[in-house]
Protein backbone atom coordinates (compact mmCIF):
# COMPACT_ATOMS: atom_id res chain seq x y z
CA MET A 1 -33.85 -14.38 9.65
CA LEU A 2 -30.92 -16.75 9.26
CA PRO A 3 -30.97 -20.11 11.01
CA PRO A 4 -28.83 -19.85 14.18
CA ASP A 5 -26.27 -22.39 13.03
CA ILE A 6 -25.71 -20.90 9.54
CA LEU A 7 -22.92 -18.63 10.79
CA GLU A 8 -21.27 -21.62 12.42
CA HIS A 9 -21.42 -23.49 9.09
CA THR A 10 -20.07 -20.45 7.27
CA ALA A 11 -17.18 -20.24 9.72
CA SER A 12 -16.48 -23.95 9.16
CA ILE A 13 -16.38 -23.46 5.39
CA MET A 14 -14.04 -20.49 5.78
CA LYS A 15 -11.75 -22.44 8.14
CA PHE A 16 -11.75 -25.37 5.74
CA GLY A 17 -10.78 -23.05 2.86
CA TYR A 18 -7.97 -21.50 4.85
CA ILE A 19 -6.61 -24.83 6.09
CA GLN A 20 -6.89 -26.38 2.63
CA LYS A 21 -5.06 -23.46 1.04
CA SER A 22 -2.16 -23.61 3.50
CA TRP A 23 -2.08 -27.43 3.34
CA VAL A 24 -1.88 -27.40 -0.46
CA ALA A 25 0.74 -24.63 -0.42
CA GLN A 26 2.88 -26.63 1.99
CA HIS A 27 2.79 -29.67 -0.32
CA ILE A 28 3.22 -27.68 -3.57
CA GLU A 29 6.22 -25.69 -2.30
CA PRO A 30 8.75 -28.42 -3.23
CA VAL A 31 7.37 -28.39 -6.81
CA ALA A 32 7.82 -24.62 -6.90
CA LYS A 33 11.41 -24.82 -5.60
CA LYS A 34 12.31 -27.64 -7.99
CA ASN A 35 11.13 -25.50 -10.93
CA LYS A 36 12.68 -22.29 -9.54
CA LEU A 37 9.25 -20.75 -9.10
CA LYS A 38 7.54 -18.98 -6.22
CA LEU A 39 4.27 -20.19 -4.72
CA SER A 40 2.58 -17.13 -6.22
CA ASP A 41 3.83 -18.21 -9.68
CA ILE A 42 2.37 -21.69 -9.19
CA SER A 43 -0.83 -20.17 -7.80
CA LEU A 44 -1.35 -18.04 -10.91
CA LEU A 45 -0.44 -20.85 -13.33
CA TYR A 46 -2.62 -23.40 -11.53
CA LEU A 47 -5.59 -21.02 -11.41
CA LEU A 48 -5.36 -20.62 -15.19
CA HIS A 49 -4.89 -24.38 -15.62
CA LEU A 50 -7.95 -25.33 -13.55
CA ASN A 51 -10.20 -22.54 -14.85
CA LYS A 52 -9.95 -22.25 -18.63
CA GLU A 53 -12.50 -19.41 -18.63
CA PHE A 54 -10.16 -17.24 -16.51
CA ASN A 55 -7.58 -15.96 -18.93
CA THR A 56 -6.74 -12.37 -18.10
CA ALA A 57 -4.86 -10.62 -15.30
CA LYS A 58 -8.20 -9.10 -14.26
CA ASP A 59 -9.65 -12.63 -13.83
CA VAL A 60 -6.62 -13.65 -11.76
CA GLU A 61 -7.07 -10.60 -9.54
CA LYS A 62 -10.77 -11.32 -9.07
CA TYR A 63 -10.44 -15.02 -8.29
CA SER A 64 -7.19 -15.20 -6.33
CA ASP A 65 -5.52 -13.59 -3.35
CA LEU A 66 -2.89 -12.00 -5.59
CA LYS A 67 -2.79 -8.22 -5.81
CA ARG A 68 -2.87 -6.31 -9.13
CA GLY A 69 0.71 -5.04 -8.89
CA ASN A 70 2.04 -8.49 -8.04
CA ILE A 71 0.03 -10.09 -10.83
CA SER A 72 1.59 -7.91 -13.50
CA LEU A 73 5.09 -8.68 -12.16
CA ILE A 74 4.35 -12.42 -12.00
CA VAL A 75 2.84 -12.42 -15.51
CA GLU A 76 5.88 -10.61 -16.94
CA SER A 77 8.27 -12.97 -15.17
CA LEU A 78 6.39 -16.09 -16.31
CA THR A 79 6.19 -14.73 -19.85
CA CYS A 80 9.94 -14.05 -19.96
CA ARG A 81 10.61 -17.56 -18.63
CA GLY A 82 8.38 -19.23 -21.24
CA PHE A 83 5.51 -20.38 -19.02
CA LEU A 84 2.98 -17.90 -20.43
CA ILE A 85 2.24 -16.18 -23.71
CA GLN A 86 0.31 -12.91 -23.69
CA GLU A 87 -2.02 -12.48 -26.65
CA GLN A 88 -3.73 -9.22 -27.57
CA ILE A 89 -7.51 -9.27 -27.07
CA GLU A 90 -9.41 -7.76 -29.99
CA GLY A 91 -11.29 -4.61 -29.12
CA ASP A 92 -9.26 -3.80 -26.00
CA ARG A 93 -5.61 -2.94 -26.48
CA ARG A 94 -5.01 -2.92 -22.70
CA MET A 95 -6.25 -6.47 -22.09
CA LYS A 96 -4.13 -9.50 -22.82
CA LYS A 97 -5.19 -13.13 -22.86
CA LEU A 98 -2.87 -15.27 -20.74
CA VAL A 99 -2.06 -18.53 -22.51
CA LEU A 100 -0.24 -21.39 -20.77
CA THR A 101 2.62 -22.99 -22.66
CA SER A 102 3.58 -26.67 -22.77
CA LYS A 103 6.44 -25.83 -20.39
CA CYS A 104 3.77 -25.86 -17.64
CA ASN A 105 2.59 -29.43 -18.30
CA PRO A 106 5.13 -31.29 -16.08
CA ILE A 107 4.36 -28.85 -13.24
CA PHE A 108 0.62 -29.43 -13.62
CA GLU A 109 1.09 -33.20 -13.66
CA GLU A 110 2.94 -33.01 -10.33
CA CYS A 111 0.48 -30.55 -8.83
CA ASP A 112 -2.52 -32.58 -10.00
CA GLU A 113 -1.06 -35.67 -8.36
CA ILE A 114 -0.43 -33.83 -5.08
CA VAL A 115 -3.83 -32.11 -5.02
CA GLY A 116 -5.54 -35.41 -5.91
CA ALA A 117 -3.81 -37.18 -3.01
CA LEU A 118 -4.73 -34.37 -0.60
CA LEU A 119 -8.31 -34.39 -1.83
CA LYS A 120 -8.49 -38.15 -1.32
CA ILE A 121 -7.34 -37.69 2.29
CA SER A 122 -9.82 -34.87 2.96
CA LEU A 123 -12.74 -36.87 1.50
CA GLN A 124 -12.12 -40.01 3.57
CA GLY A 125 -15.32 -41.26 5.18
CA ILE A 126 -17.55 -39.16 2.90
CA SER A 127 -19.87 -41.15 0.63
CA GLU A 128 -20.26 -40.54 -3.09
CA GLU A 129 -23.80 -39.30 -2.45
CA GLU A 130 -22.56 -36.80 0.16
CA ILE A 131 -19.90 -35.59 -2.28
CA GLN A 132 -22.57 -35.11 -4.96
CA VAL A 133 -24.78 -33.15 -2.53
CA MET A 134 -21.78 -31.00 -1.57
CA LYS A 135 -20.92 -30.34 -5.24
CA ASN A 136 -24.52 -29.37 -5.99
CA CYS A 137 -24.62 -27.04 -2.97
CA PHE A 138 -21.35 -25.35 -3.98
CA LYS A 139 -22.63 -24.92 -7.56
CA LYS A 140 -25.83 -23.32 -6.29
CA MET A 141 -23.94 -21.07 -3.86
CA TYR A 142 -21.55 -20.00 -6.65
CA ARG A 143 -24.47 -19.30 -9.01
CA ASN A 144 -26.25 -17.28 -6.28
CA MET A 145 -23.14 -15.20 -5.69
CA GLN A 146 -22.67 -14.62 -9.43
CA ASN A 147 -26.31 -13.54 -9.79
CA GLU A 148 -25.98 -11.15 -6.84
CA GLU A 149 -22.74 -9.75 -8.26
CA LYS A 150 -24.44 -9.21 -11.64
CA ARG A 151 -27.49 -7.60 -10.01
CA SER A 152 -25.28 -5.35 -7.92
CA LEU A 153 -23.24 -4.32 -10.96
CA GLU A 154 -26.40 -3.56 -12.96
CA ALA A 155 -27.77 -1.46 -10.07
CA SER A 156 -24.47 0.40 -9.83
CA MET A 157 -24.47 1.09 -13.57
CA ALA A 158 -28.09 2.29 -13.40
CA ARG A 159 -27.15 4.67 -10.52
CA ARG A 160 -24.22 6.03 -12.55
CA LYS A 161 -26.44 6.55 -15.60
CA PHE A 162 -29.07 8.27 -13.44
CA CYS A 163 -26.43 10.57 -11.87
CA LYS A 164 -25.00 11.38 -15.30
CA ASN A 165 -28.48 12.19 -16.64
CA LEU A 166 -29.20 14.29 -13.55
CA ALA A 167 -25.96 16.21 -14.07
CA VAL A 168 -26.93 16.88 -17.70
CA LEU A 169 -30.39 18.08 -16.60
CA ARG A 170 -28.83 20.40 -13.99
CA THR A 171 -26.37 21.76 -16.55
CA ASN A 172 -29.20 22.35 -19.04
CA ALA A 173 -31.34 24.03 -16.37
CA VAL A 174 -28.50 26.39 -15.44
CA PHE A 175 -27.82 27.09 -19.11
CA TYR A 176 -31.48 27.87 -19.90
CA ARG A 177 -31.90 30.05 -16.80
CA GLY A 178 -28.89 32.03 -17.86
CA ASN A 179 -30.22 32.56 -21.40
CA LYS A 180 -33.67 33.96 -20.43
């Protein structure tokens, strides 16, 4: 049974995320306009900038609000305009590694400054110890969600394998019955 106030805390975290996202977007929009980019362009570039381990369109889809169709259009546009390079990934001709170019650096410098200032405002009155506790909690929550996602994927794959084996057994049974 969940503690009664856990849903209230969850709602607070969700509200914070929503407010933070719209607050950052509002302050980043002038950077986007100045560079003749859309907020979705900046969102994709900044996600890649902040998360070096995310480097494919599939990663962007998984960890952002952008939709698959929009991502491919954004990636093509940013590639044509020199912000991204798409490199072939060995072993999978469909996957491409998204590599940021140096053309992004001035944009990231501006965005980092803006996000840093906003973060400073949002952390006012919170001690270093409280920030450390919060960081540790978020790390643990993220790790828990990753473990659950992995467990769920493994269970799904096991179900698929079981169903495939069952289908083979049924096919064999029908075949052998027919050949008696």
